[in-house]
Amino acid sequence: MRKIISIFTVLLLAAGCFSCSEKKDTKSDNKPVESDTSVTGTDGSVDEPVIQQQIELREFKEDDFKTINVNITKTENKPPVQLHSMVTSDIDFGERISPCKGEKYRDKYKPVFDDENNADDENREYMEQADAEWEKSCTEPAKGSVAFWCQFGNDMYTAVSYDQYCTDGLHEVSIFRINCLTGEKTEIYRHSDPVKSFNINDLYVFHDRIYIYLEDQLAYIDEDKGELVKIDHLNDYSGYFVENDADRLLVISFKARTQEVPDDYEPKTGEEIRAEANGKKSVYLGEERILSEYFPDEDRWSELSRVSITKDEAYEIDDISTALPQIYGKLFAWPEKPEGKRKYDVVTDEYRISTGLTGLDILYADHDRLAVRLSSKNIVHIFDIAKMEHYVIDCTSLGVNSEYFGGGLFAFPSGMSGTLYYIMPELGLTFPLVRLESGSEGNRSEYFFGQIEGGNIVFEQGVSIGKKEVKDGQSIYYTDYDTKTTRYWVNGDEMNG
């Protein structure tokens, strides 16, 4: 049964070709590497190197700070932050038939369902059903399927696909803006083309402009014209945008390194053969991963860091960002263990702090505050450089996860059920924000996670609200669940206002 379900999932996602921004785990123990700070113009020329302001690195020892062990004190008083919520699974994006399903194009993009090699396979009946579903998709409108959400303030942007069972990407896609407070939605861009596909990696809003990272091209939406304006990039690599609180438009991109081989080449043990766009064969060697910054007002790029990794390293490091410098809020930061020491320092472009911790994850770093969490327990350490105070907050009784945002802590479980809390670090006052919904009898909570996104801290929960058996005649192919998806968020502008 598990095999059947996985095949069905692959077929449904054949139209996907999207990368979810929830996808981005930015934890890393890699420090920035030396890189060329020259700027590439749109004509490909290289300007003079950028002269970066040199800031004297401040160094702090653990005992330079006054340590304050903060006790958790729960209170039912009104919390100092406002938690918004929206049931995103209830949003209806309508129905359409993709132009690639027209008689002139449909057979060109049809998946191969009838494989003679699987004639006796237990999935043969299911594949016949999938073929029937494809036939139906050519004449009946498909319901809009959300690929991913990206939220900025109280507005949410989503890429919606109406293309099913297509082997050449997406041909019917729209990008919507949703006012999360009113539920009003506006289509701000639409792609509808039976030949040219439109596959989105990521969305990002910077200075009120919606940027799109396509498969290997950056662009932004001209809302007045409803058009896409392409941007000359440092390279044509795939990638995505980097969330930050420093008002910087940062991009991580990557490209496979390959070596062309003859068509009759026999791969050696462990080698991976790939088909290139020109029809040639190549051996996969590894990847180039690049961190760049774009300056829209000047229409120029600066490459900040580049690393080259082997094939084995690429498989070990799923997230393309983890081999590159990481920004946590306003500053790039990384843990560093001094030679001969057991405990970690945290280093930024502006300071070094000896934490006294043998294992940590960085939560946030700005000019006068650093927040880290123990790797093994949900115990948070906040170093306030302005006050020279070190707050230690044990959040293990509240949940296994913590995020630092807007000067406060949010503690929450990893899934199933529990409560989302807001903690005032200096006082330990702890406010329950919401009791997470649990599935009713026979159902289950699928997931719950939190992340910083577009000036907000965002939490999302999926709860199974009913199960259904998918049948063809008397045969049951698999059991499916309807999922209620709820998004909770705290807007940073409202916290500071």
Protein backbone atom coordinates (compact mmCIF):
# COMPACT_ATOMS: atom_id res chain seq x y z
CA MET A 1 0.00 0.00 0.00
CA ARG A 2 2.81 2.42 0.83
CA LYS A 3 4.23 1.89 -2.66
CA ILE A 4 0.89 2.71 -4.27
CA ILE A 5 0.53 5.89 -2.24
CA SER A 6 4.01 7.07 -3.19
CA ILE A 7 3.31 6.55 -6.90
CA PHE A 8 0.08 8.51 -6.61
CA THR A 9 1.93 11.35 -4.88
CA VAL A 10 4.53 11.50 -7.63
CA LEU A 11 1.82 11.76 -10.24
CA LEU A 12 0.02 14.53 -8.40
CA LEU A 13 3.21 16.48 -7.99
CA ALA A 14 4.28 16.07 -11.58
CA ALA A 15 2.78 19.50 -12.09
CA GLY A 16 4.60 20.89 -9.08
CA CYS A 17 8.09 21.99 -10.03
CA PHE A 18 7.93 24.36 -7.04
CA SER A 19 10.22 24.64 -4.05
CA CYS A 20 8.55 25.52 -0.80
CA SER A 21 10.06 28.38 1.14
CA GLU A 22 9.23 26.46 4.31
CA LYS A 23 11.99 24.37 3.10
CA LYS A 24 14.81 26.66 4.30
CA ASP A 25 16.67 25.48 7.29
CA THR A 26 19.26 28.17 7.95
CA LYS A 27 21.16 26.51 10.79
CA SER A 28 24.85 26.17 9.99
CA ASP A 29 28.19 26.00 11.71
CA ASN A 30 30.04 27.33 8.67
CA LYS A 31 31.64 30.74 8.93
CA PRO A 32 31.85 33.14 5.96
CA VAL A 33 34.63 32.44 3.52
CA GLU A 34 36.91 34.84 1.73
CA SER A 35 35.21 36.09 -1.43
CA ASP A 36 35.61 38.61 -4.20
CA THR A 37 33.71 41.79 -3.34
CA SER A 38 33.74 43.12 -6.89
CA VAL A 39 30.44 44.09 -8.43
CA THR A 40 29.22 42.81 -11.76
CA GLY A 41 27.25 45.23 -13.91
CA THR A 42 24.36 44.28 -16.15
CA ASP A 43 26.71 44.29 -19.14
CA GLY A 44 28.89 41.62 -17.54
CA SER A 45 31.74 44.02 -16.76
CA VAL A 46 33.40 43.98 -13.35
CA ASP A 47 33.57 47.26 -11.43
CA GLU A 48 36.19 48.21 -8.89
CA PRO A 49 36.04 46.21 -5.63
CA VAL A 50 33.56 47.53 -3.10
CA ILE A 51 35.30 49.20 -0.17
CA GLN A 52 33.57 47.79 2.88
CA GLN A 53 33.65 49.69 6.15
CA GLN A 54 35.98 47.99 8.60
CA ILE A 55 34.47 47.57 12.06
CA GLU A 56 36.69 46.72 14.99
CA LEU A 57 35.66 43.33 16.31
CA ARG A 58 34.50 43.53 19.91
CA GLU A 59 35.32 40.52 22.06
CA PHE A 60 33.39 39.41 25.14
CA LYS A 61 34.09 36.61 27.60
CA GLU A 62 31.34 34.67 29.31
CA ASP A 63 32.09 36.23 32.70
CA ASP A 64 31.96 39.76 31.23
CA PHE A 65 28.18 39.41 31.44
CA LYS A 66 26.02 39.33 34.55
CA THR A 67 24.21 35.97 34.39
CA ILE A 68 20.50 36.05 35.26
CA ASN A 69 18.62 32.76 35.54
CA VAL A 70 15.08 33.66 34.50
CA ASN A 71 12.19 31.72 36.05
CA ILE A 72 9.20 30.90 33.85
CA THR A 73 6.04 32.49 35.31
CA LYS A 74 2.82 31.69 33.47
CA THR A 75 0.12 34.34 33.46
CA GLU A 76 -3.40 34.57 32.04
CA ASN A 77 -3.08 38.34 31.54
CA LYS A 78 -3.50 39.77 28.04
CA PRO A 79 -0.31 39.07 26.10
CA PRO A 80 1.76 42.02 24.83
CA VAL A 81 1.60 40.66 21.26
CA GLN A 82 -1.36 40.09 18.94
CA LEU A 83 -1.68 36.66 17.37
CA HIS A 84 -3.59 36.55 14.08
CA SER A 85 -4.89 33.38 12.45
CA MET A 86 -6.33 32.26 9.14
CA VAL A 87 -7.55 28.90 7.85
CA THR A 88 -5.65 28.82 4.58
CA SER A 89 -7.06 25.49 3.43
CA ASP A 90 -10.47 27.17 3.04
CA ILE A 91 -9.26 29.62 0.38
CA ASP A 92 -10.79 28.88 -3.03
CA PHE A 93 -8.70 29.85 -6.05
CA GLY A 94 -11.25 28.65 -8.61
CA GLU A 95 -10.86 26.15 -11.45
CA ARG A 96 -9.25 26.22 -14.89
CA ILE A 97 -8.17 23.93 -17.71
CA SER A 98 -4.49 24.35 -18.54
CA PRO A 99 -3.83 25.27 -22.19
CA CYS A 100 -1.44 22.33 -22.48
CA LYS A 101 -4.48 20.04 -22.26
CA GLY A 102 -5.76 21.25 -25.64
CA GLU A 103 -5.95 18.69 -28.45
CA LYS A 104 -2.92 20.20 -30.20
CA TYR A 105 -0.62 19.75 -27.19
CA ARG A 106 -2.06 17.17 -24.82
CA ASP A 107 -0.35 14.06 -26.20
CA LYS A 108 3.03 15.84 -26.18
CA TYR A 109 2.87 16.31 -22.40
CA LYS A 110 1.08 13.12 -21.42
CA PRO A 111 2.87 11.01 -18.79
CA VAL A 112 3.63 7.37 -19.58
CA PHE A 113 1.07 5.39 -17.60
CA ASP A 114 1.02 2.12 -19.56
CA ASP A 115 4.45 0.57 -19.04
CA GLU A 116 4.66 -2.96 -20.46
CA ASN A 117 7.36 -3.79 -17.94
CA ASN A 118 4.78 -3.33 -15.18
CA ALA A 119 2.03 -5.34 -16.85
CA ASP A 120 1.88 -7.80 -13.96
CA ASP A 121 2.69 -5.31 -11.25
CA GLU A 122 0.25 -4.81 -8.38
CA ASN A 123 0.01 -1.16 -9.41
CA ARG A 124 -1.22 -1.84 -12.96
CA GLU A 125 -4.87 -1.20 -12.08
CA TYR A 126 -3.91 1.97 -10.30
CA MET A 127 -1.94 3.21 -13.31
CA GLU A 128 -5.00 2.64 -15.46
CA GLN A 129 -6.97 4.78 -13.04
CA ALA A 130 -4.31 7.49 -13.25
CA ASP A 131 -4.58 7.41 -17.03
CA ALA A 132 -8.33 7.92 -16.72
CA GLU A 133 -7.73 10.85 -14.38
CA TRP A 134 -5.43 12.42 -16.94
CA GLU A 135 -8.06 12.03 -19.66
CA LYS A 136 -10.56 13.77 -17.38
CA SER A 137 -8.13 16.64 -16.71
CA CYS A 138 -8.14 17.46 -20.42
CA THR A 139 -11.85 18.29 -20.41
CA GLU A 140 -12.71 19.18 -16.83
CA PRO A 141 -11.31 22.24 -14.98
CA ALA A 142 -8.76 21.56 -12.27
CA LYS A 143 -9.07 23.17 -8.88
CA GLY A 144 -6.25 25.60 -8.11
CA SER A 145 -3.54 23.89 -6.08
CA VAL A 146 -1.33 25.96 -3.78
CA ALA A 147 2.36 25.32 -4.25
CA PHE A 148 3.61 27.41 -1.35
CA TRP A 149 2.85 30.46 0.79
CA CYS A 150 5.09 33.47 1.38
CA GLN A 151 3.89 36.02 3.91
CA PHE A 152 4.98 39.65 4.26
CA GLY A 153 3.29 41.68 6.96
CA ASN A 154 -0.42 40.92 6.91
CA ASP A 155 -0.35 40.05 3.20
CA MET A 156 0.29 36.58 1.90
CA TYR A 157 1.51 35.71 -1.59
CA THR A 158 0.92 32.34 -3.13
CA ALA A 159 1.72 30.59 -6.38
CA VAL A 160 -1.26 28.53 -7.56
CA SER A 161 -1.10 25.84 -10.23
CA TYR A 162 -4.01 24.64 -12.37
CA ASP A 163 -1.85 22.20 -14.30
CA GLN A 164 -2.17 18.47 -13.60
CA TYR A 165 -0.24 15.48 -14.92
CA CYS A 166 2.05 17.49 -17.20
CA THR A 167 5.57 16.28 -18.02
CA ASP A 168 6.90 19.72 -19.01
CA GLY A 169 6.37 21.88 -15.92
CA LEU A 170 3.50 24.30 -15.42
CA HIS A 171 1.57 26.05 -18.14
CA GLU A 172 -1.28 27.60 -16.11
CA VAL A 173 -0.06 29.45 -13.00
CA SER A 174 -1.24 32.51 -11.09
CA ILE A 175 0.25 34.52 -8.25
CA PHE A 176 -2.23 35.93 -5.75
CA ARG A 177 -1.97 38.48 -2.98
CA ILE A 178 -4.24 37.73 -0.02
CA ASN A 179 -5.10 40.22 2.70
CA CYS A 180 -4.92 37.86 5.66
CA LEU A 181 -7.03 40.14 7.86
CA THR A 182 -9.97 40.44 5.45
CA GLY A 183 -9.49 37.35 3.25
CA GLU A 184 -9.60 39.50 0.09
CA LYS A 185 -7.47 38.02 -2.71
CA THR A 186 -6.10 39.69 -5.83
CA GLU A 187 -4.51 38.04 -8.83
CA ILE A 188 -1.34 40.03 -9.55
CA TYR A 189 0.18 37.88 -12.27
CA ARG A 190 -0.94 35.07 -14.56
CA HIS A 191 0.99 32.79 -16.87
CA SER A 192 -1.05 30.83 -19.42
CA ASP A 193 0.92 29.33 -22.28
CA PRO A 194 0.65 25.84 -23.84
CA VAL A 195 4.31 25.79 -24.91
CA LYS A 196 6.36 27.80 -22.44
CA SER A 197 6.32 26.46 -18.88
CA PHE A 198 6.57 28.64 -15.78
CA ASN A 199 8.25 26.99 -12.82
CA ILE A 200 8.78 29.03 -9.66
CA ASN A 201 11.40 28.35 -7.01
CA ASP A 202 10.61 31.20 -4.64
CA LEU A 203 8.79 34.49 -3.99
CA TYR A 204 10.01 37.44 -1.97
CA VAL A 205 8.86 41.01 -1.28
CA PHE A 206 11.49 43.71 -0.98
CA HIS A 207 10.65 47.42 -0.77
CA ASP A 208 7.06 46.75 -1.93
CA ARG A 209 8.18 44.89 -5.06
CA ILE A 210 7.38 41.19 -5.61
CA TYR A 211 10.45 39.27 -6.76
CA ILE A 212 10.29 35.80 -8.31
CA TYR A 213 13.05 33.24 -8.57
CA LEU A 214 12.24 31.07 -11.56
CA GLU A 215 14.18 27.91 -12.38
CA ASP A 216 17.24 29.83 -13.52
CA GLN A 217 16.06 33.43 -13.83
CA LEU A 218 15.28 36.30 -11.46
CA ALA A 219 12.43 38.70 -12.15
CA TYR A 220 9.94 41.00 -10.47
CA ILE A 221 6.29 41.77 -11.13
CA ASP A 222 5.30 45.12 -12.60
CA GLU A 223 1.85 45.20 -11.02
CA ASP A 224 0.65 48.19 -13.06
CA LYS A 225 1.23 46.29 -16.29
CA GLY A 226 0.77 42.78 -14.94
CA GLU A 227 4.08 41.87 -16.53
CA LEU A 228 7.23 40.10 -15.50
CA VAL A 229 10.46 42.10 -15.68
CA LYS A 230 13.58 39.95 -15.85
CA ILE A 231 16.78 40.87 -14.00
CA ASP A 232 20.28 40.18 -15.23
CA HIS A 233 21.84 37.95 -12.60
CA LEU A 234 25.43 37.17 -11.69
CA ASN A 235 24.71 33.72 -13.08
CA ASP A 236 21.86 31.64 -14.41
CA TYR A 237 21.81 29.26 -11.48
CA SER A 238 18.73 27.95 -9.67
CA GLY A 239 18.17 29.17 -6.13
CA TYR A 240 16.06 31.14 -3.67
CA PHE A 241 15.92 34.26 -1.52
CA VAL A 242 17.38 34.54 1.99
CA GLU A 243 15.08 35.74 4.76
CA ASN A 244 16.69 38.44 6.93
CA ASP A 245 15.95 41.43 9.15
CA ALA A 246 18.78 43.58 7.76
CA ASP A 247 16.88 45.11 4.82
CA ARG A 248 19.04 43.26 2.31
CA LEU A 249 18.00 41.40 -0.84
CA LEU A 250 20.10 38.25 -0.55
CA VAL A 251 20.04 35.29 -2.91
CA ILE A 252 21.50 31.81 -2.66
CA SER A 253 21.98 30.02 -5.96
CA PHE A 254 23.54 26.79 -7.12
CA LYS A 255 24.57 24.99 -10.26
CA ALA A 256 25.63 21.42 -10.84
CA ARG A 257 29.21 20.78 -11.93
CA THR A 258 29.34 18.18 -14.68
CA GLN A 259 31.77 16.65 -17.15
CA GLU A 260 30.55 15.74 -20.61
CA VAL A 261 31.05 12.12 -21.69
CA PRO A 262 30.44 10.20 -24.94
CA ASP A 263 26.94 8.84 -25.62
CA ASP A 264 28.22 5.27 -25.25
CA TYR A 265 30.02 5.98 -21.97
CA GLU A 266 29.62 3.24 -19.35
CA PRO A 267 29.40 4.80 -15.86
CA LYS A 268 31.76 3.59 -13.18
CA THR A 269 30.57 2.44 -9.78
CA GLY A 270 29.04 5.36 -7.90
CA GLU A 271 28.91 7.71 -10.89
CA GLU A 272 25.70 9.53 -11.77
CA ILE A 273 24.89 10.22 -15.41
CA ARG A 274 22.79 13.24 -16.32
CA ALA A 275 21.22 14.42 -19.56
CA GLU A 276 22.18 17.98 -20.51
CA ALA A 277 19.92 20.47 -22.29
CA ASN A 278 21.90 19.98 -25.51
CA GLY A 279 21.12 16.26 -25.47
CA LYS A 280 24.63 15.25 -24.40
CA LYS A 281 25.45 13.01 -21.44
CA SER A 282 27.54 14.09 -18.48
CA VAL A 283 28.87 12.81 -15.15
CA TYR A 284 27.71 14.71 -12.07
CA LEU A 285 30.72 15.95 -10.06
CA GLY A 286 29.22 18.27 -7.46
CA GLU A 287 27.86 21.81 -7.14
CA GLU A 288 28.76 25.47 -7.00
CA ARG A 289 26.86 27.34 -4.27
CA ILE A 290 26.84 31.14 -4.25
CA LEU A 291 25.59 33.85 -1.91
CA SER A 292 24.88 37.17 -3.65
CA GLU A 293 23.27 40.52 -2.86
CA TYR A 294 21.19 42.63 -5.26
CA PHE A 295 20.89 46.42 -5.03
CA PRO A 296 17.67 47.33 -6.93
CA ASP A 297 18.20 51.10 -6.90
CA GLU A 298 21.54 50.65 -8.67
CA ASP A 299 20.64 47.48 -10.60
CA ARG A 300 23.86 45.78 -9.56
CA TRP A 301 24.99 42.57 -7.88
CA SER A 302 27.72 41.72 -5.40
CA GLU A 303 28.88 38.15 -4.90
CA LEU A 304 29.46 37.65 -1.17
CA SER A 305 30.58 34.03 -0.97
CA ARG A 306 31.08 30.96 -3.15
CA VAL A 307 31.83 27.35 -2.29
CA SER A 308 32.43 24.30 -4.43
CA ILE A 309 31.33 20.97 -3.00
CA THR A 310 31.72 17.39 -4.17
CA LYS A 311 28.96 15.02 -5.15
CA ASP A 312 29.14 13.20 -1.83
CA GLU A 313 28.98 16.51 0.10
CA ALA A 314 25.98 17.60 -1.96
CA TYR A 315 24.07 14.47 -0.96
CA GLU A 316 25.05 14.89 2.68
CA ILE A 317 23.96 18.56 2.74
CA ASP A 318 20.41 18.66 1.39
CA ASP A 319 19.90 22.37 2.05
CA ILE A 320 21.96 24.32 -0.47
CA SER A 321 22.50 27.14 2.04
CA THR A 322 24.29 25.16 4.72
CA ALA A 323 27.75 25.39 3.15
CA LEU A 324 27.46 29.20 2.99
CA PRO A 325 27.47 32.05 5.54
CA GLN A 326 24.17 32.35 7.42
CA ILE A 327 22.37 35.51 8.47
CA TYR A 328 20.32 35.37 11.68
CA GLY A 329 18.21 38.48 11.82
CA LYS A 330 20.51 41.45 11.14
CA LEU A 331 23.99 39.91 11.20
CA PHE A 332 25.84 37.00 9.69
CA ALA A 333 26.94 34.75 12.52
CA TRP A 334 28.59 31.37 13.05
CA PRO A 335 29.73 29.20 15.97
CA GLU A 336 33.44 28.71 16.32
CA LYS A 337 35.36 26.47 18.72
CA PRO A 338 38.76 28.02 19.57
CA GLU A 339 41.70 25.66 19.29
CA GLY A 340 42.08 23.50 22.39
CA LYS A 341 38.69 24.59 23.78
CA ARG A 342 35.53 22.55 24.38
CA LYS A 343 33.11 25.46 24.39
CA TYR A 344 31.89 27.57 21.52
CA ASP A 345 32.23 31.23 20.68
CA VAL A 346 29.70 32.93 18.42
CA VAL A 347 31.30 35.26 15.91
CA THR A 348 29.63 37.99 13.83
CA ASP A 349 31.01 40.78 11.66
CA GLU A 350 30.92 43.02 14.72
CA TYR A 351 31.74 40.94 17.80
CA ARG A 352 32.83 37.62 19.29
CA ILE A 353 31.11 36.21 22.39
CA SER A 354 32.42 33.27 24.40
CA THR A 355 29.16 31.51 25.29
CA GLY A 356 30.43 28.85 27.69
CA LEU A 357 28.27 26.30 25.84
CA THR A 358 29.46 23.00 24.38
CA GLY A 359 26.71 22.89 21.75
CA LEU A 360 24.35 25.54 20.41
CA ASP A 361 22.06 26.71 17.61
CA ILE A 362 21.99 30.40 16.76
CA LEU A 363 18.52 31.96 16.89
CA TYR A 364 19.20 35.67 16.33
CA ALA A 365 22.05 38.17 16.09
CA ASP A 366 21.95 41.94 15.83
CA HIS A 367 24.23 44.81 16.81
CA ASP A 368 23.71 44.48 20.57
CA ARG A 369 21.95 41.17 21.19
CA LEU A 370 22.66 37.50 20.54
CA ALA A 371 20.20 34.66 21.17
CA VAL A 372 21.27 31.00 21.07
CA ARG A 373 19.71 27.72 22.16
CA LEU A 374 21.34 24.59 23.51
CA SER A 375 21.54 21.89 20.88
CA SER A 376 20.25 19.18 23.22
CA LYS A 377 17.61 21.08 25.25
CA ASN A 378 15.23 23.96 24.79
CA ILE A 379 17.28 26.25 27.03
CA VAL A 380 17.79 29.71 25.53
CA HIS A 381 20.71 32.03 26.28
CA ILE A 382 20.38 35.73 25.42
CA PHE A 383 23.44 37.99 25.60
CA ASP A 384 22.48 41.67 25.87
CA ILE A 385 25.59 43.66 24.97
CA ALA A 386 23.98 47.02 25.76
CA LYS A 387 23.21 45.97 29.36
CA MET A 388 26.03 43.40 29.60
CA GLU A 389 23.52 40.85 30.91
CA HIS A 390 23.21 37.14 30.07
CA TYR A 391 19.68 35.74 30.43
CA VAL A 392 19.20 31.98 30.76
CA ILE A 393 15.63 30.79 30.11
CA ASP A 394 14.74 27.11 30.46
CA CYS A 395 11.79 26.55 28.06
CA THR A 396 11.80 22.74 28.17
CA SER A 397 8.50 22.66 30.12
CA LEU A 398 6.80 24.67 27.34
CA GLY A 399 7.86 22.74 24.25
CA VAL A 400 10.82 21.45 22.32
CA ASN A 401 11.21 24.49 20.04
CA SER A 402 11.96 28.17 20.49
CA GLU A 403 12.26 31.15 18.15
CA TYR A 404 13.49 34.65 19.02
CA PHE A 405 11.54 37.46 17.39
CA GLY A 406 10.84 41.11 18.11
CA GLY A 407 12.65 41.07 21.42
CA GLY A 408 10.72 38.07 22.76
CA LEU A 409 10.72 34.29 22.79
CA PHE A 410 8.12 31.97 21.30
CA ALA A 411 8.08 28.40 22.63
CA PHE A 412 6.05 25.66 20.98
CA PRO A 413 5.80 21.88 20.42
CA SER A 414 6.92 20.08 17.29
CA GLY A 415 3.50 18.71 16.40
CA MET A 416 0.44 16.80 17.52
CA SER A 417 -0.85 19.06 20.31
CA GLY A 418 0.29 21.61 22.85
CA THR A 419 0.35 25.35 23.39
CA LEU A 420 2.15 28.24 21.71
CA TYR A 421 3.67 30.59 24.30
CA TYR A 422 5.17 34.08 24.26
CA ILE A 423 7.89 34.80 26.83
CA MET A 424 9.30 38.16 27.96
CA PRO A 425 12.98 37.16 28.39
CA GLU A 426 14.00 39.68 31.04
CA LEU A 427 11.02 38.92 33.31
CA GLY A 428 10.11 35.33 32.48
CA LEU A 429 6.44 36.30 32.14
CA THR A 430 4.91 33.63 29.90
CA PHE A 431 1.65 34.12 28.01
CA PRO A 432 -0.28 31.27 26.34
CA LEU A 433 -1.21 32.48 22.85
CA VAL A 434 -3.18 29.54 21.51
CA ARG A 435 -3.93 25.94 22.40
CA LEU A 436 -3.17 23.99 19.27
CA GLU A 437 -5.98 22.04 17.72
CA SER A 438 -5.92 18.27 17.90
CA GLY A 439 -7.53 15.89 15.46
CA SER A 440 -10.86 14.40 16.47
CA GLU A 441 -11.34 10.69 17.03
CA GLY A 442 -9.76 8.74 14.22
CA ASN A 443 -7.87 11.80 12.96
CA ARG A 444 -4.52 13.30 13.82
CA SER A 445 -2.47 16.47 13.89
CA GLU A 446 -0.09 16.31 10.95
CA TYR A 447 2.48 19.00 11.74
CA PHE A 448 3.23 22.28 13.48
CA PHE A 449 6.23 24.50 12.78
CA GLY A 450 7.38 28.08 13.21
CA GLN A 451 9.66 30.35 11.18
CA ILE A 452 10.53 34.00 10.61
CA GLU A 453 8.95 35.21 7.40
CA GLY A 454 8.49 38.66 5.87
CA GLY A 455 8.68 40.68 9.07
CA ASN A 456 6.50 38.19 10.95
CA ILE A 457 6.91 35.13 13.05
CA VAL A 458 4.66 32.56 11.40
CA PHE A 459 3.34 29.23 12.65
CA GLU A 460 1.44 26.70 10.60
CA GLN A 461 -0.49 23.63 11.68
CA GLY A 462 -2.12 20.89 9.65
CA VAL A 463 -4.82 18.76 11.25
CA SER A 464 -6.54 15.77 9.66
CA ILE A 465 -10.28 16.35 9.85
CA GLY A 466 -11.58 13.31 8.02
CA LYS A 467 -10.47 10.28 6.11
CA LYS A 468 -11.74 8.90 2.87
CA GLU A 469 -11.06 5.76 0.90
CA VAL A 470 -10.20 6.23 -2.74
CA LYS A 471 -11.80 3.44 -4.74
CA ASP A 472 -12.28 2.18 -8.25
CA GLY A 473 -15.20 -0.20 -8.21
CA GLN A 474 -14.72 -2.53 -5.26
CA SER A 475 -10.99 -2.01 -4.96
CA ILE A 476 -9.54 0.38 -2.38
CA TYR A 477 -6.36 1.97 -3.68
CA TYR A 478 -5.46 4.03 -0.62
CA THR A 479 -6.86 6.00 2.31
CA ASP A 480 -6.63 9.77 2.09
CA TYR A 481 -7.19 12.50 4.69
CA ASP A 482 -8.64 15.98 4.36
CA THR A 483 -6.37 18.45 6.12
CA LYS A 484 -7.32 21.68 7.81
CA THR A 485 -4.37 24.07 7.57
CA THR A 486 -4.25 27.05 9.93
CA ARG A 487 -1.67 29.81 9.82
CA TYR A 488 -0.90 31.86 12.93
CA TRP A 489 1.33 34.92 12.89
CA VAL A 490 2.56 37.91 14.86
CA ASN A 491 3.36 40.99 12.77
CA GLY A 492 6.66 42.60 13.78
CA ASP A 493 5.49 46.08 12.78
CA GLU A 494 2.56 45.75 15.20
CA MET A 495 4.91 44.70 17.99
CA ASN A 496 7.11 47.73 17.45
CA GLY A 497 4.23 50.12 16.86
